[in-house]
C-alpha atoms as a PDB file:
ATOM      1  CA  MET A   1      -0.177  63.177 305.638  1.00  0.00           C
ATOM      2  CA  ARG A   2      -1.623  59.410 305.371  1.00  0.00           C
ATOM      3  CA  PRO A   3      -3.820  59.071 302.329  1.00  0.00           C
ATOM      4  CA  LEU A   4      -7.492  58.557 303.176  1.00  0.00           C
ATOM      5  CA  GLY A   5      -7.306  55.614 300.783  1.00  0.00           C
ATOM      6  CA  ALA A   6      -4.755  53.911 302.663  1.00  0.00           C
ATOM      7  CA  LEU A   7      -6.601  54.427 305.964  1.00  0.00           C
ATOM      8  CA  LEU A   8      -9.660  52.888 304.683  1.00  0.00           C
ATOM      9  CA  LEU A   9      -7.847  49.783 303.327  1.00  0.00           C
ATOM     10  CA  THR A  10      -6.233  49.378 306.837  1.00  0.00           C
ATOM     11  CA  ALA A  11      -9.512  49.549 308.554  1.00  0.00           C
ATOM     12  CA  TRP A  12     -10.819  47.079 305.907  1.00  0.00           C
ATOM     13  CA  ILE A  13      -7.915  44.487 306.750  1.00  0.00           C
ATOM     14  CA  LEU A  14      -8.441  44.950 310.577  1.00  0.00           C
ATOM     15  CA  LEU A  15     -11.939  44.135 310.407  1.00  0.00           C
ATOM     16  CA  GLY A  16     -11.048  40.689 309.071  1.00  0.00           C
ATOM     17  CA  ALA A  17     -11.328  40.998 305.273  1.00  0.00           C
ATOM     18  CA  ALA A  18      -8.927  38.513 303.366  1.00  0.00           C
ATOM     19  CA  PRO A  19      -5.082  39.270 303.624  1.00  0.00           C
ATOM     20  CA  ILE A  20      -3.541  41.211 300.825  1.00  0.00           C
ATOM     21  CA  ALA A  21       0.018  40.542 299.594  1.00  0.00           C
ATOM     22  CA  SER A  22       0.868  44.039 299.118  1.00  0.00           C
ATOM     23  CA  ALA A  23      -1.271  47.195 299.099  1.00  0.00           C
ATOM     24  CA  GLN A  24      -0.996  50.126 296.904  1.00  0.00           C
ATOM     25  CA  THR A  25      -0.925  53.621 298.269  1.00  0.00           C
ATOM     26  CA  VAL A  26      -4.175  55.224 296.980  1.00  0.00           C
ATOM     27  CA  TRP A  27      -4.786  58.974 297.356  1.00  0.00           C
ATOM     28  CA  VAL A  28      -8.475  59.872 297.178  1.00  0.00           C
ATOM     29  CA  VAL A  29      -9.299  63.211 295.056  1.00  0.00           C
ATOM     30  CA  ASP A  30     -12.571  64.726 295.761  1.00  0.00           C
ATOM     31  CA  PRO A  31     -13.787  68.146 294.954  1.00  0.00           C
ATOM     32  CA  GLY A  32     -15.980  68.425 297.848  1.00  0.00           C
ATOM     33  CA  GLY A  33     -13.264  68.179 300.483  1.00  0.00           C
ATOM     34  CA  GLN A  34     -13.775  64.590 301.812  1.00  0.00           C
ATOM     35  CA  GLY A  35     -10.585  63.078 300.278  1.00  0.00           C
ATOM     36  CA  ASP A  36      -6.857  63.981 300.314  1.00  0.00           C
ATOM     37  CA  PHE A  37      -6.961  66.322 297.607  1.00  0.00           C
ATOM     38  CA  THR A  38      -9.569  68.591 295.907  1.00  0.00           C
ATOM     39  CA  THR A  39      -7.820  68.724 292.382  1.00  0.00           C
ATOM     40  CA  LEU A  40      -6.133  66.049 290.179  1.00  0.00           C
ATOM     41  CA  GLN A  41      -3.245  68.282 289.745  1.00  0.00           C
ATOM     42  CA  GLY A  42      -2.772  68.784 293.373  1.00  0.00           C
ATOM     43  CA  CYS A  43      -2.452  65.097 293.904  1.00  0.00           C
ATOM     44  CA  ILE A  44      -0.002  64.663 291.026  1.00  0.00           C
ATOM     45  CA  ASP A  45       2.334  67.553 292.061  1.00  0.00           C
ATOM     46  CA  ASP A  46       2.315  66.746 295.986  1.00  0.00           C
ATOM     47  CA  PRO A  47       5.790  65.458 297.258  1.00  0.00           C
ATOM     48  CA  CYS A  48       4.006  62.624 299.260  1.00  0.00           C
ATOM     49  CA  VAL A  49       2.650  61.312 296.011  1.00  0.00           C
ATOM     50  CA  LEU A  50       5.515  58.898 295.051  1.00  0.00           C
ATOM     51  CA  ASP A  51       6.129  56.696 292.021  1.00  0.00           C
ATOM     52  CA  GLY A  52       3.679  53.636 292.367  1.00  0.00           C
ATOM     53  CA  HIS A  53       1.052  55.561 293.965  1.00  0.00           C
ATOM     54  CA  VAL A  54      -2.641  55.969 292.841  1.00  0.00           C
ATOM     55  CA  CYS A  55      -4.622  59.078 292.664  1.00  0.00           C
ATOM     56  CA  ARG A  56      -8.212  57.871 292.714  1.00  0.00           C
ATOM     57  CA  ALA A  57     -10.742  60.534 291.720  1.00  0.00           C
ATOM     58  CA  VAL A  58     -14.126  60.253 292.896  1.00  0.00           C
ATOM     59  CA  PRO A  59     -17.144  60.514 290.375  1.00  0.00           C
ATOM     60  CA  GLY A  60     -17.423  64.164 289.100  1.00  0.00           C
ATOM     61  CA  THR A  61     -16.332  66.853 286.710  1.00  0.00           C
ATOM     62  CA  TYR A  62     -12.857  68.148 287.017  1.00  0.00           C
ATOM     63  CA  ARG A  63     -12.429  71.405 285.376  1.00  0.00           C
ATOM     64  CA  GLU A  64      -8.686  71.528 285.108  1.00  0.00           C
ATOM     65  CA  ASN A  65      -5.591  70.706 282.790  1.00  0.00           C
ATOM     66  CA  VAL A  66      -3.691  67.977 283.892  1.00  0.00           C
ATOM     67  CA  ARG A  67       0.068  67.445 283.546  1.00  0.00           C
ATOM     68  CA  PHE A  68       1.985  64.228 284.766  1.00  0.00           C
ATOM     69  CA  ARG A  69       5.280  65.841 285.010  1.00  0.00           C
ATOM     70  CA  GLY A  70       7.103  62.554 284.856  1.00  0.00           C
ATOM     71  CA  LYS A  71       5.427  60.916 287.662  1.00  0.00           C
ATOM     72  CA  ALA A  72       4.862  57.149 287.412  1.00  0.00           C
ATOM     73  CA  ILE A  73       1.508  57.237 289.101  1.00  0.00           C
ATOM     74  CA  THR A  74      -1.787  55.918 288.175  1.00  0.00           C
ATOM     75  CA  LEU A  75      -4.580  58.683 287.522  1.00  0.00           C
ATOM     76  CA  SER A  76      -7.686  56.713 287.924  1.00  0.00           C
ATOM     77  CA  GLY A  77     -11.461  57.646 287.939  1.00  0.00           C
ATOM     78  CA  ALA A  78     -13.456  55.625 290.207  1.00  0.00           C
ATOM     79  CA  GLY A  79     -16.792  56.102 288.342  1.00  0.00           C
ATOM     80  CA  GLY A  80     -15.559  55.211 284.882  1.00  0.00           C
ATOM     81  CA  PRO A  81     -15.643  57.599 282.004  1.00  0.00           C
ATOM     82  CA  GLU A  82     -19.385  57.534 282.337  1.00  0.00           C
ATOM     83  CA  GLU A  83     -19.027  59.510 285.634  1.00  0.00           C
ATOM     84  CA  THR A  84     -15.544  60.861 285.907  1.00  0.00           C
ATOM     85  CA  ILE A  85     -14.780  63.606 283.732  1.00  0.00           C
ATOM     86  CA  ILE A  86     -11.965  66.049 282.977  1.00  0.00           C
ATOM     87  CA  ASP A  87     -12.628  69.268 281.426  1.00  0.00           C
ATOM     88  CA  GLY A  88     -10.100  71.399 280.190  1.00  0.00           C
ATOM     89  CA  GLY A  89     -12.087  74.417 279.634  1.00  0.00           C
ATOM     90  CA  GLY A  90     -10.778  75.145 276.008  1.00  0.00           C
ATOM     91  CA  ASN A  91      -7.245  76.202 277.673  1.00  0.00           C
ATOM     92  CA  GLY A  92      -4.740  73.863 276.038  1.00  0.00           C
ATOM     93  CA  SER A  93      -4.579  70.282 275.922  1.00  0.00           C
ATOM     94  CA  THR A  94      -6.839  68.850 278.636  1.00  0.00           C
ATOM     95  CA  VAL A  95      -4.140  66.081 279.559  1.00  0.00           C
ATOM     96  CA  SER A  96      -0.389  65.896 278.720  1.00  0.00           C
ATOM     97  CA  PHE A  97       2.651  63.789 279.148  1.00  0.00           C
ATOM     98  CA  GLN A  98       5.787  65.700 277.982  1.00  0.00           C
ATOM     99  CA  SER A  99       8.307  64.825 280.697  1.00  0.00           C
ATOM    100  CA  GLY A 100       9.529  61.287 279.606  1.00  0.00           C
ATOM    101  CA  GLU A 101       6.872  59.501 281.281  1.00  0.00           C
ATOM    102  CA  GLY A 102       6.884  55.412 280.871  1.00  0.00           C
ATOM    103  CA  PRO A 103       4.376  52.652 281.033  1.00  0.00           C
ATOM    104  CA  ASP A 104       4.042  53.277 284.676  1.00  0.00           C
ATOM    105  CA  SER A 105       2.385  56.577 283.955  1.00  0.00           C
ATOM    106  CA  ILE A 106      -1.194  55.725 283.789  1.00  0.00           C
ATOM    107  CA  LEU A 107      -4.429  57.380 282.780  1.00  0.00           C
ATOM    108  CA  GLU A 108      -7.577  55.225 283.307  1.00  0.00           C
ATOM    109  CA  GLY A 109     -11.295  55.544 283.695  1.00  0.00           C
ATOM    110  CA  PHE A 110     -12.197  59.373 282.420  1.00  0.00           C
ATOM    111  CA  THR A 111     -13.688  61.047 279.849  1.00  0.00           C
ATOM    112  CA  VAL A 112     -11.345  63.877 278.389  1.00  0.00           C
ATOM    113  CA  ARG A 113     -13.026  66.764 276.825  1.00  0.00           C
ATOM    114  CA  ASN A 114     -13.005  70.414 275.929  1.00  0.00           C
ATOM    115  CA  GLY A 115      -9.289  70.677 275.246  1.00  0.00           C
ATOM    116  CA  SER A 116      -7.920  73.029 272.467  1.00  0.00           C
ATOM    117  CA  GLY A 117      -4.045  71.643 271.858  1.00  0.00           C
ATOM    118  CA  THR A 118      -0.552  72.521 272.808  1.00  0.00           C
ATOM    119  CA  TRP A 119       1.739  74.993 270.550  1.00  0.00           C
ATOM    120  CA  VAL A 120       4.922  73.507 269.573  1.00  0.00           C
ATOM    121  CA  GLU A 121       6.605  75.935 267.546  1.00  0.00           C
ATOM    122  CA  TYR A 122       4.304  76.368 264.448  1.00  0.00           C
ATOM    123  CA  LEU A 123       2.189  72.974 265.243  1.00  0.00           C
ATOM    124  CA  CYS A 124      -0.798  73.049 267.717  1.00  0.00           C
ATOM    125  CA  LEU A 125      -1.565  69.380 268.874  1.00  0.00           C
ATOM    126  CA  GLY A 126      -3.640  67.310 271.086  1.00  0.00           C
ATOM    127  CA  GLY A 127      -6.959  68.882 272.099  1.00  0.00           C
ATOM    128  CA  GLY A 128      -7.798  66.126 274.283  1.00  0.00           C
ATOM    129  CA  ILE A 129      -4.405  64.300 275.180  1.00  0.00           C
ATOM    130  CA  PHE A 130      -1.031  65.389 274.124  1.00  0.00           C
ATOM    131  CA  VAL A 131       1.748  62.777 274.283  1.00  0.00           C
ATOM    132  CA  SER A 132       5.517  64.190 273.381  1.00  0.00           C
ATOM    133  CA  GLY A 133       8.524  61.812 273.873  1.00  0.00           C
ATOM    134  CA  ALA A 134       6.829  59.682 276.392  1.00  0.00           C
ATOM    135  CA  SER A 135       5.271  56.379 276.427  1.00  0.00           C
ATOM    136  CA  PRO A 136       2.532  56.329 279.102  1.00  0.00           C
ATOM    137  CA  GLU A 137      -0.659  53.836 279.159  1.00  0.00           C
ATOM    138  CA  ILE A 138      -4.016  55.229 278.439  1.00  0.00           C
ATOM    139  CA  ARG A 139      -6.753  52.769 279.210  1.00  0.00           C
ATOM    140  CA  ASP A 140     -10.776  52.764 279.481  1.00  0.00           C
ATOM    141  CA  CYS A 141     -10.948  56.340 278.489  1.00  0.00           C
ATOM    142  CA  VAL A 142     -13.389  58.427 276.326  1.00  0.00           C
ATOM    143  CA  VAL A 143     -11.668  61.278 274.408  1.00  0.00           C
ATOM    144  CA  THR A 144     -14.558  63.596 272.995  1.00  0.00           C
ATOM    145  CA  GLY A 145     -15.416  66.912 272.343  1.00  0.00           C
ATOM    146  CA  ASN A 146     -12.036  68.513 271.906  1.00  0.00           C
ATOM    147  CA  THR A 147     -11.035  71.064 269.042  1.00  0.00           C
ATOM    148  CA  VAL A 148      -7.926  72.132 267.659  1.00  0.00           C
ATOM    149  CA  SER A 149      -8.491  75.400 265.869  1.00  0.00           C
ATOM    150  CA  VAL A 150      -6.147  77.649 263.958  1.00  0.00           C
ATOM    151  CA  ASP A 151      -6.298  80.442 261.500  1.00  0.00           C
ATOM    152  CA  ASP A 152      -2.432  79.972 260.373  1.00  0.00           C
ATOM    153  CA  PHE A 153       0.218  77.059 260.561  1.00  0.00           C
ATOM    154  CA  PHE A 154      -1.178  73.462 261.474  1.00  0.00           C
ATOM    155  CA  ALA A 155      -3.789  72.019 263.470  1.00  0.00           C
ATOM    156  CA  LEU A 156      -3.014  68.427 264.323  1.00  0.00           C
ATOM    157  CA  GLY A 157      -4.791  65.597 266.612  1.00  0.00           C
ATOM    158  CA  GLY A 158      -8.005  66.874 267.573  1.00  0.00           C
ATOM    159  CA  GLY A 159      -8.559  64.288 270.080  1.00  0.00           C
ATOM    160  CA  ILE A 160      -4.979  62.915 270.919  1.00  0.00           C
ATOM    161  CA  ALA A 161      -1.678  63.673 269.436  1.00  0.00           C
ATOM    162  CA  SER A 162       1.487  61.738 269.609  1.00  0.00           C
ATOM    163  CA  LEU A 163       4.715  63.303 268.864  1.00  0.00           C
ATOM    164  CA  TYR A 164       7.750  61.117 268.796  1.00  0.00           C
ATOM    165  CA  ALA A 165       6.113  59.067 271.369  1.00  0.00           C
ATOM    166  CA  SER A 166       4.940  55.573 272.007  1.00  0.00           C
ATOM    167  CA  PRO A 167       1.777  55.487 274.193  1.00  0.00           C
ATOM    168  CA  VAL A 168      -0.156  52.473 274.704  1.00  0.00           C
ATOM    169  CA  MET A 169      -3.986  52.882 274.604  1.00  0.00           C
ATOM    170  CA  THR A 170      -6.393  50.041 275.475  1.00  0.00           C
ATOM    171  CA  ARG A 171     -10.216  50.164 275.252  1.00  0.00           C
ATOM    172  CA  CYS A 172     -10.275  53.943 274.582  1.00  0.00           C
ATOM    173  CA  THR A 173     -12.910  55.513 272.411  1.00  0.00           C
ATOM    174  CA  VAL A 174     -11.926  58.806 270.455  1.00  0.00           C
ATOM    175  CA  ARG A 175     -14.784  60.133 269.164  1.00  0.00           C
ATOM    176  CA  ASP A 176     -16.542  63.483 268.177  1.00  0.00           C
ATOM    177  CA  ASN A 177     -13.083  65.439 268.104  1.00  0.00           C
ATOM    178  CA  GLU A 178     -12.167  67.998 265.183  1.00  0.00           C
ATOM    179  CA  THR A 179      -9.283  69.905 263.814  1.00  0.00           C
ATOM    180  CA  ARG A 180     -10.293  72.962 262.027  1.00  0.00           C
ATOM    181  CA  GLY A 181      -7.856  75.205 260.063  1.00  0.00           C
ATOM    182  CA  VAL A 182      -9.756  77.984 257.846  1.00  0.00           C
ATOM    183  CA  GLY A 183      -6.825  79.792 256.429  1.00  0.00           C
ATOM    184  CA  ALA A 184      -4.298  77.525 258.016  1.00  0.00           C
ATOM    185  CA  LYS A 185      -1.515  75.609 256.021  1.00  0.00           C
ATOM    186  CA  GLY A 186      -2.738  72.018 257.143  1.00  0.00           C
ATOM    187  CA  THR A 187      -4.996  70.172 259.428  1.00  0.00           C
ATOM    188  CA  GLY A 188      -4.520  66.516 260.430  1.00  0.00           C
ATOM    189  CA  GLY A 189      -5.893  63.651 262.472  1.00  0.00           C
ATOM    190  CA  GLY A 190      -9.245  64.645 263.773  1.00  0.00           C
ATOM    191  CA  GLY A 191      -9.500  62.041 266.149  1.00  0.00           C
ATOM    192  CA  LEU A 192      -5.531  60.991 266.370  1.00  0.00           C
ATOM    193  CA  PHE A 193      -2.409  62.417 265.032  1.00  0.00           C
ATOM    194  CA  ILE A 194       0.939  60.388 265.286  1.00  0.00           C
ATOM    195  CA  MET A 195       4.294  61.671 263.969  1.00  0.00           C
ATOM    196  CA  GLY A 196       7.169  59.269 264.778  1.00  0.00           C
ATOM    197  CA  GLY A 197       7.281  56.581 267.331  1.00  0.00           C
ATOM    198  CA  ASN A 198       5.376  53.324 267.877  1.00  0.00           C
ATOM    199  CA  PRO A 199       1.901  53.628 269.572  1.00  0.00           C
ATOM    200  CA  ILE A 200      -0.071  50.746 270.214  1.00  0.00           C
ATOM    201  CA  LEU A 201      -3.900  50.680 270.108  1.00  0.00           C
ATOM    202  CA  THR A 202      -5.838  47.661 271.434  1.00  0.00           C
ATOM    203  CA  ALA A 203      -9.888  47.532 271.282  1.00  0.00           C
ATOM    204  CA  CYS A 204      -9.948  51.248 270.596  1.00  0.00           C
ATOM    205  CA  ARG A 205     -12.744  52.953 268.552  1.00  0.00           C
ATOM    206  CA  ILE A 206     -11.923  55.940 266.241  1.00  0.00           C
ATOM    207  CA  GLU A 207     -15.298  57.336 265.233  1.00  0.00           C
ATOM    208  CA  ASP A 208     -17.161  60.414 264.111  1.00  0.00           C
ATOM    209  CA  ASN A 209     -13.972  62.620 264.132  1.00  0.00           C
ATOM    210  CA  ARG A 210     -13.528  65.578 261.620  1.00  0.00           C
ATOM    211  CA  CYS A 211     -10.724  67.099 260.001  1.00  0.00           C
ATOM    212  CA  LEU A 212     -11.536  70.542 258.439  1.00  0.00           C
ATOM    213  CA  TYR A 213     -10.103  73.055 255.870  1.00  0.00           C
ATOM    214  CA  GLY A 214      -6.637  74.139 255.684  1.00  0.00           C
ATOM    215  CA  ASP A 215      -4.226  73.892 252.438  1.00  0.00           C
ATOM    216  CA  GLU A 216      -4.042  70.298 253.214  1.00  0.00           C
ATOM    217  CA  THR A 217      -6.514  68.313 254.847  1.00  0.00           C
ATOM    218  CA  LEU A 218      -5.269  64.787 256.219  1.00  0.00           C
ATOM    219  CA  GLY A 219      -7.033  61.900 258.188  1.00  0.00           C
ATOM    220  CA  GLY A 220     -10.467  62.353 259.479  1.00  0.00           C
ATOM    221  CA  GLY A 221     -10.006  59.664 262.017  1.00  0.00           C
ATOM    222  CA  ILE A 222      -6.255  59.141 262.092  1.00  0.00           C
ATOM    223  CA  ALA A 223      -3.352  60.814 260.329  1.00  0.00           C
ATOM    224  CA  CYS A 224      -0.059  58.921 260.790  1.00  0.00           C
ATOM    225  CA  LEU A 225       3.269  60.289 259.312  1.00  0.00           C
ATOM    226  CA  THR A 226       6.786  58.568 259.595  1.00  0.00           C
ATOM    227  CA  ALA A 227       5.513  56.312 262.286  1.00  0.00           C
ATOM    228  CA  SER A 228       4.698  52.616 263.027  1.00  0.00           C
ATOM    229  CA  PRO A 229       1.854  52.299 264.929  1.00  0.00           C
ATOM    230  CA  THR A 230       0.072  49.034 265.868  1.00  0.00           C
ATOM    231  CA  LEU A 231      -3.665  48.672 265.918  1.00  0.00           C
ATOM    232  CA  VAL A 232      -5.085  45.584 267.476  1.00  0.00           C
ATOM    233  CA  ASN A 233      -8.968  44.813 267.204  1.00  0.00           C
ATOM    234  CA  SER A 234      -9.536  48.547 266.597  1.00  0.00           C
ATOM    235  CA  PHE A 235     -12.568  50.096 264.860  1.00  0.00           C
ATOM    236  CA  ILE A 236     -12.409  53.179 262.680  1.00  0.00           C
ATOM    237  CA  ALA A 237     -15.589  54.622 261.209  1.00  0.00           C
ATOM    238  CA  ARG A 238     -17.618  57.474 260.296  1.00  0.00           C
ATOM    239  CA  ASN A 239     -14.766  59.978 260.232  1.00  0.00           C
ATOM    240  CA  LEU A 240     -14.623  62.815 257.897  1.00  0.00           C
ATOM    241  CA  ALA A 241     -11.955  64.960 255.966  1.00  0.00           C
ATOM    242  CA  PHE A 242     -13.256  67.935 254.226  1.00  0.00           C
ATOM    243  CA  GLY A 243     -11.959  70.989 252.680  1.00  0.00           C
ATOM    244  CA  ASP A 244     -11.321  73.010 249.442  1.00  0.00           C
ATOM    245  CA  GLY A 245      -7.626  73.261 249.855  1.00  0.00           C
ATOM    246  CA  VAL A 246      -4.731  71.660 247.504  1.00  0.00           C
ATOM    247  CA  PHE A 247      -5.250  68.216 249.057  1.00  0.00           C
ATOM    248  CA  VAL A 248      -7.766  66.284 250.827  1.00  0.00           C
ATOM    249  CA  GLY A 249      -7.262  62.635 251.786  1.00  0.00           C
ATOM    250  CA  GLY A 250      -7.861  59.769 254.257  1.00  0.00           C
ATOM    251  CA  GLY A 251     -11.361  60.229 255.516  1.00  0.00           C
ATOM    252  CA  GLY A 252     -10.511  57.324 257.840  1.00  0.00           C
ATOM    253  CA  LEU A 253      -6.768  56.832 257.914  1.00  0.00           C
ATOM    254  CA  PHE A 254      -4.181  58.976 256.150  1.00  0.00           C
ATOM    255  CA  LEU A 255      -0.682  57.364 256.125  1.00  0.00           C
ATOM    256  CA  SER A 256       2.676  59.113 254.727  1.00  0.00           C
ATOM    257  CA  ASN A 257       6.004  57.331 255.040  1.00  0.00           C
ATOM    258  CA  ALA A 258       4.248  55.159 257.674  1.00  0.00           C
ATOM    259  CA  ALA A 259       4.371  51.288 258.234  1.00  0.00           C
ATOM    260  CA  PRO A 260       1.310  50.646 260.489  1.00  0.00           C
ATOM    261  CA  LEU A 261       0.711  46.963 261.762  1.00  0.00           C
ATOM    262  CA  LEU A 262      -3.136  46.347 261.631  1.00  0.00           C
ATOM    263  CA  LEU A 263      -4.252  43.123 263.615  1.00  0.00           C
END
């Protein structure tokens, strides 16, 4: 199967457009059936989609949970986050990187919403995006409307959780996400939870997120434990940590055994 994107690009070149030194292979994802695939996961999983390829989603809402499965591809929203949405349906993390992905695994131009997290033993992590042991790039995304809620154990990273990982996030907005733990042992990182690793955030906004209840309530915006993240020209505002447990701290940013670099 030859990708529709490549066919269109070939036609463009034959019609006399300016020469291109090298052309990426672009696969078109269109739920209406006018592309190469109808789902994002179908594009990722297809054996014809190789490292270095691009899966480009036409504007619309994709109601699925996306797993990169170690592929070094770019998953791109053609309409940007205003028009291209991944909705996890409250069925686990909406997007996850858990297979050793590196910087050539790229998510760009989506709104990521309605995720509920991934269980790792007694931790429920990463409502919108869960990164574990990987270092993907996430750029020009809006992560919003995700909730990690438990009635026992720990709820961590309503918007994004980075677990012993080093994702690079650029021009992303993490807004209106929540961790909630009535009766839980703890909640942390309403917007972003970081444990281990060296994430880099550049020109990102962490705003209007909430970390609620639990015996310990840590970091309405960001909770960072035993990690060394770098934040460059990033904005943290109007986040909330609220509860009646033994400890409540860090409405905007909570740090424990962490060494962040703020630039």
